Amino acid sequence: MKEFLVELTTTVPEGTDPAEVDRRRAAEAVRAHELAASGHLVRLWRPVGSKRSVGLWRAADEADLHENVLGTLPLRPWMTPVVTPLEAHPNDPGQAGPAA
């Protein structure tokens, strides 16, 4: 699978019933756990002082990410995603050493 850095900004539409917001947020937590278990959601952060989230996600390609991963999030209709495809860096300390 390919990796993507995804920034998600969620804006609840004005006038939305608070019970609907609570329902979707609870469902979002469940879906995030499912996506983590399937290897699609690797890490998720919230920058200090921000209501947006930044995550490391995996999918077959960007179309798969939008349609079959992010598209399944209960809050997705209220989200604005910014997706950055990632590739390995030769100096990544998490990778094995240079080939002999």
N, C-alpha and C. Protein backbone atom coordinates (compact mmCIF):
# COMPACT_ATOMS: atom_id res chain seq x y z
N MET A 1 0.84 -1.19 0.00
CA MET A 1 0.00 0.00 0.00
C MET A 1 0.88 1.25 0.00
N LYS A 2 0.36 2.31 -0.58
CA LYS A 2 1.05 3.59 -0.60
C LYS A 2 0.67 4.39 0.64
N GLU A 3 1.56 5.32 1.02
CA GLU A 3 1.31 6.13 2.21
C GLU A 3 0.96 7.57 1.82
N PHE A 4 0.12 8.18 2.65
CA PHE A 4 -0.36 9.54 2.42
C PHE A 4 -0.40 10.29 3.73
N LEU A 5 0.04 11.54 3.69
CA LEU A 5 -0.14 12.45 4.80
C LEU A 5 -1.44 13.18 4.52
N VAL A 6 -2.38 13.10 5.44
CA VAL A 6 -3.70 13.68 5.22
C VAL A 6 -4.03 14.65 6.35
N GLU A 7 -4.35 15.87 5.96
CA GLU A 7 -4.83 16.88 6.91
C GLU A 7 -6.33 16.98 6.73
N LEU A 8 -7.07 16.81 7.81
CA LEU A 8 -8.53 16.87 7.76
C LEU A 8 -9.04 18.01 8.63
N THR A 9 -9.78 18.90 8.02
CA THR A 9 -10.42 19.99 8.76
C THR A 9 -11.92 19.73 8.71
N THR A 10 -12.51 19.61 9.88
CA THR A 10 -13.94 19.32 9.98
C THR A 10 -14.70 20.58 10.36
N THR A 11 -15.70 20.91 9.58
CA THR A 11 -16.55 22.07 9.85
C THR A 11 -17.99 21.60 9.90
N VAL A 12 -18.56 21.62 11.08
CA VAL A 12 -19.94 21.20 11.25
C VAL A 12 -20.84 22.31 10.71
N PRO A 13 -21.77 21.97 9.83
CA PRO A 13 -22.66 22.99 9.29
C PRO A 13 -23.48 23.68 10.38
N GLU A 14 -23.58 24.97 10.25
CA GLU A 14 -24.36 25.75 11.21
C GLU A 14 -25.79 25.23 11.26
N GLY A 15 -26.31 25.12 12.46
CA GLY A 15 -27.68 24.65 12.64
C GLY A 15 -27.81 23.14 12.76
N THR A 16 -26.70 22.42 12.70
CA THR A 16 -26.77 20.96 12.83
C THR A 16 -27.15 20.59 14.26
N ASP A 17 -28.07 19.66 14.38
CA ASP A 17 -28.52 19.19 15.69
C ASP A 17 -27.32 18.61 16.46
N PRO A 18 -27.08 19.08 17.67
CA PRO A 18 -25.95 18.57 18.46
C PRO A 18 -25.98 17.05 18.65
N ALA A 19 -27.17 16.46 18.69
CA ALA A 19 -27.28 15.00 18.82
C ALA A 19 -26.71 14.31 17.57
N GLU A 20 -26.91 14.91 16.41
CA GLU A 20 -26.36 14.36 15.17
C GLU A 20 -24.84 14.46 15.17
N VAL A 21 -24.32 15.57 15.66
CA VAL A 21 -22.86 15.73 15.77
C VAL A 21 -22.30 14.67 16.70
N ASP A 22 -22.92 14.46 17.86
CA ASP A 22 -22.46 13.45 18.81
C ASP A 22 -22.52 12.05 18.20
N ARG A 23 -23.60 11.76 17.48
CA ARG A 23 -23.76 10.45 16.86
C ARG A 23 -22.65 10.19 15.85
N ARG A 24 -22.39 11.19 15.01
CA ARG A 24 -21.35 11.03 13.98
C ARG A 24 -19.95 10.93 14.61
N ARG A 25 -19.70 11.69 15.64
CA ARG A 25 -18.37 11.63 16.30
C ARG A 25 -18.15 10.26 16.94
N ALA A 26 -19.18 9.71 17.54
CA ALA A 26 -19.06 8.37 18.12
C ALA A 26 -18.82 7.33 17.02
N ALA A 27 -19.55 7.44 15.93
CA ALA A 27 -19.37 6.53 14.81
C ALA A 27 -17.99 6.70 14.17
N GLU A 28 -17.49 7.92 14.17
CA GLU A 28 -16.16 8.22 13.63
C GLU A 28 -15.08 7.49 14.43
N ALA A 29 -15.21 7.48 15.74
CA ALA A 29 -14.23 6.79 16.59
C ALA A 29 -14.23 5.29 16.29
N VAL A 30 -15.40 4.71 16.13
CA VAL A 30 -15.50 3.29 15.80
C VAL A 30 -14.85 3.01 14.45
N ARG A 31 -15.16 3.84 13.46
CA ARG A 31 -14.61 3.63 12.12
C ARG A 31 -13.10 3.82 12.11
N ALA A 32 -12.58 4.78 12.86
CA ALA A 32 -11.13 4.98 12.93
C ALA A 32 -10.44 3.73 13.48
N HIS A 33 -11.03 3.11 14.49
CA HIS A 33 -10.45 1.87 15.03
C HIS A 33 -10.47 0.76 13.99
N GLU A 34 -11.54 0.68 13.21
CA GLU A 34 -11.62 -0.33 12.16
C GLU A 34 -10.56 -0.09 11.09
N LEU A 35 -10.39 1.16 10.69
CA LEU A 35 -9.40 1.49 9.67
C LEU A 35 -7.98 1.26 10.18
N ALA A 36 -7.75 1.50 11.46
CA ALA A 36 -6.44 1.21 12.04
C ALA A 36 -6.19 -0.30 12.04
N ALA A 37 -7.19 -1.07 12.40
CA ALA A 37 -7.04 -2.53 12.44
C ALA A 37 -6.76 -3.11 11.06
N SER A 38 -7.29 -2.47 10.02
CA SER A 38 -7.09 -2.96 8.65
C SER A 38 -5.82 -2.40 8.02
N GLY A 39 -5.08 -1.55 8.76
CA GLY A 39 -3.82 -1.02 8.25
C GLY A 39 -3.94 0.25 7.44
N HIS A 40 -5.12 0.83 7.34
CA HIS A 40 -5.30 2.05 6.55
C HIS A 40 -4.95 3.31 7.34
N LEU A 41 -5.26 3.33 8.62
CA LEU A 41 -4.93 4.47 9.48
C LEU A 41 -3.75 4.06 10.34
N VAL A 42 -2.60 4.70 10.11
CA VAL A 42 -1.37 4.33 10.79
C VAL A 42 -1.16 5.17 12.04
N ARG A 43 -1.29 6.49 11.91
CA ARG A 43 -1.10 7.43 13.02
C ARG A 43 -2.06 8.59 12.82
N LEU A 44 -2.42 9.24 13.93
CA LEU A 44 -3.32 10.38 13.85
C LEU A 44 -2.93 11.37 14.95
N TRP A 45 -2.76 12.63 14.56
CA TRP A 45 -2.38 13.68 15.49
C TRP A 45 -3.35 14.85 15.39
N ARG A 46 -3.40 15.66 16.47
CA ARG A 46 -4.11 16.93 16.44
C ARG A 46 -3.08 17.98 16.82
N PRO A 47 -2.74 18.88 15.89
CA PRO A 47 -1.79 19.94 16.22
C PRO A 47 -2.30 20.75 17.43
N VAL A 48 -1.40 21.11 18.30
CA VAL A 48 -1.75 21.86 19.51
C VAL A 48 -2.52 23.13 19.13
N GLY A 49 -3.64 23.34 19.80
CA GLY A 49 -4.43 24.53 19.58
C GLY A 49 -5.27 24.52 18.31
N SER A 50 -5.41 23.34 17.67
CA SER A 50 -6.11 23.26 16.41
C SER A 50 -7.25 22.24 16.49
N LYS A 51 -8.24 22.41 15.67
CA LYS A 51 -9.33 21.44 15.61
C LYS A 51 -9.18 20.52 14.40
N ARG A 52 -8.09 20.68 13.66
CA ARG A 52 -7.87 19.81 12.50
C ARG A 52 -7.05 18.61 12.95
N SER A 53 -7.01 17.60 12.12
CA SER A 53 -6.18 16.44 12.43
C SER A 53 -5.23 16.18 11.28
N VAL A 54 -4.12 15.56 11.60
CA VAL A 54 -3.11 15.19 10.60
C VAL A 54 -2.83 13.72 10.82
N GLY A 55 -2.89 12.95 9.74
CA GLY A 55 -2.70 11.52 9.89
C GLY A 55 -1.84 10.91 8.81
N LEU A 56 -1.28 9.77 9.13
CA LEU A 56 -0.58 8.94 8.17
C LEU A 56 -1.53 7.81 7.81
N TRP A 57 -1.88 7.76 6.54
CA TRP A 57 -2.87 6.80 6.04
C TRP A 57 -2.23 5.95 4.95
N ARG A 58 -2.78 4.76 4.73
CA ARG A 58 -2.33 3.87 3.66
C ARG A 58 -3.53 3.42 2.82
N ALA A 59 -3.27 3.34 1.52
CA ALA A 59 -4.28 2.85 0.58
C ALA A 59 -3.57 2.40 -0.69
N ALA A 60 -4.30 1.71 -1.54
CA ALA A 60 -3.71 1.21 -2.79
C ALA A 60 -3.23 2.36 -3.66
N ASP A 61 -4.00 3.43 -3.71
CA ASP A 61 -3.65 4.63 -4.47
C ASP A 61 -4.53 5.77 -3.95
N GLU A 62 -4.37 6.95 -4.52
CA GLU A 62 -5.12 8.11 -4.00
C GLU A 62 -6.62 7.97 -4.22
N ALA A 63 -7.01 7.37 -5.33
CA ALA A 63 -8.45 7.17 -5.57
C ALA A 63 -9.03 6.24 -4.51
N ASP A 64 -8.31 5.17 -4.20
CA ASP A 64 -8.75 4.24 -3.16
C ASP A 64 -8.84 4.95 -1.81
N LEU A 65 -7.85 5.79 -1.52
CA LEU A 65 -7.86 6.55 -0.27
C LEU A 65 -9.14 7.38 -0.15
N HIS A 66 -9.46 8.13 -1.21
CA HIS A 66 -10.64 9.00 -1.16
C HIS A 66 -11.94 8.21 -1.13
N GLU A 67 -12.04 7.19 -1.97
CA GLU A 67 -13.31 6.47 -2.12
C GLU A 67 -13.57 5.45 -1.03
N ASN A 68 -12.57 4.62 -0.74
CA ASN A 68 -12.80 3.46 0.12
C ASN A 68 -12.26 3.59 1.53
N VAL A 69 -11.52 4.65 1.78
CA VAL A 69 -10.98 4.85 3.13
C VAL A 69 -11.60 6.12 3.73
N LEU A 70 -11.16 7.29 3.26
CA LEU A 70 -11.71 8.54 3.81
C LEU A 70 -13.21 8.65 3.55
N GLY A 71 -13.65 8.14 2.42
CA GLY A 71 -15.07 8.21 2.06
C GLY A 71 -15.98 7.44 2.99
N THR A 72 -15.41 6.55 3.82
CA THR A 72 -16.21 5.76 4.75
C THR A 72 -16.32 6.40 6.13
N LEU A 73 -15.66 7.54 6.32
CA LEU A 73 -15.72 8.20 7.62
C LEU A 73 -17.06 8.90 7.80
N PRO A 74 -17.73 8.70 8.93
CA PRO A 74 -19.02 9.33 9.16
C PRO A 74 -18.99 10.86 9.10
N LEU A 75 -17.85 11.47 9.45
CA LEU A 75 -17.74 12.93 9.40
C LEU A 75 -17.29 13.44 8.03
N ARG A 76 -17.00 12.55 7.08
CA ARG A 76 -16.44 12.95 5.78
C ARG A 76 -17.24 14.03 5.08
N PRO A 77 -18.58 14.02 5.12
CA PRO A 77 -19.32 15.10 4.44
C PRO A 77 -18.99 16.49 4.97
N TRP A 78 -18.46 16.56 6.19
CA TRP A 78 -18.13 17.84 6.81
C TRP A 78 -16.64 18.13 6.78
N MET A 79 -15.87 17.25 6.16
CA MET A 79 -14.41 17.37 6.16
C MET A 79 -13.87 17.96 4.87
N THR A 80 -12.80 18.70 5.02
CA THR A 80 -12.02 19.16 3.87
C THR A 80 -10.65 18.50 4.00
N PRO A 81 -10.36 17.55 3.09
CA PRO A 81 -9.07 16.88 3.18
C PRO A 81 -8.01 17.54 2.31
N VAL A 82 -6.78 17.52 2.79
CA VAL A 82 -5.62 17.91 1.99
C VAL A 82 -4.71 16.69 2.02
N VAL A 83 -4.51 16.08 0.86
CA VAL A 83 -3.78 14.83 0.76
C VAL A 83 -2.42 15.06 0.09
N THR A 84 -1.38 14.54 0.74
CA THR A 84 -0.03 14.60 0.18
C THR A 84 0.49 13.18 0.05
N PRO A 85 0.68 12.69 -1.19
CA PRO A 85 1.26 11.36 -1.37
C PRO A 85 2.71 11.37 -0.87
N LEU A 86 3.12 10.27 -0.26
CA LEU A 86 4.47 10.16 0.30
C LEU A 86 5.24 9.04 -0.38
N GLU A 87 6.55 9.18 -0.39
CA GLU A 87 7.42 8.09 -0.84
C GLU A 87 8.59 8.01 0.12
N ALA A 88 9.26 6.88 0.12
CA ALA A 88 10.38 6.68 1.03
C ALA A 88 11.51 7.66 0.74
N HIS A 89 12.16 8.09 1.79
CA HIS A 89 13.32 8.97 1.68
C HIS A 89 14.56 8.13 1.93
N PRO A 90 15.62 8.31 1.15
CA PRO A 90 16.81 7.47 1.34
C PRO A 90 17.48 7.62 2.71
N ASN A 91 17.23 8.72 3.41
CA ASN A 91 17.84 8.92 4.72
C ASN A 91 16.87 8.65 5.87
N ASP A 92 15.75 8.00 5.60
CA ASP A 92 14.75 7.70 6.62
C ASP A 92 15.38 6.79 7.68
N PRO A 93 15.47 7.25 8.93
CA PRO A 93 16.08 6.43 9.97
C PRO A 93 15.27 5.18 10.30
N GLY A 94 14.02 5.14 9.85
CA GLY A 94 13.18 3.96 10.10
C GLY A 94 13.40 2.85 9.09
N GLN A 95 14.15 3.12 8.05
CA GLN A 95 14.43 2.11 7.02
C GLN A 95 15.69 1.35 7.36
N ALA A 96 15.84 0.20 6.77
CA ALA A 96 17.06 -0.59 6.95
C ALA A 96 18.24 0.19 6.37
N GLY A 97 19.42 -0.11 6.82
CA GLY A 97 20.64 0.57 6.36
C GLY A 97 20.84 0.42 4.87
N PRO A 98 21.86 1.10 4.32
CA PRO A 98 22.12 1.06 2.89
C PRO A 98 22.49 -0.36 2.45
N ALA A 99 22.15 -0.65 1.22
CA ALA A 99 22.45 -1.97 0.67
C ALA A 99 23.97 -2.14 0.58
N ALA A 100 24.41 -3.36 0.83
CA ALA A 100 25.87 -3.63 0.79
C ALA A 100 26.35 -3.80 -0.63
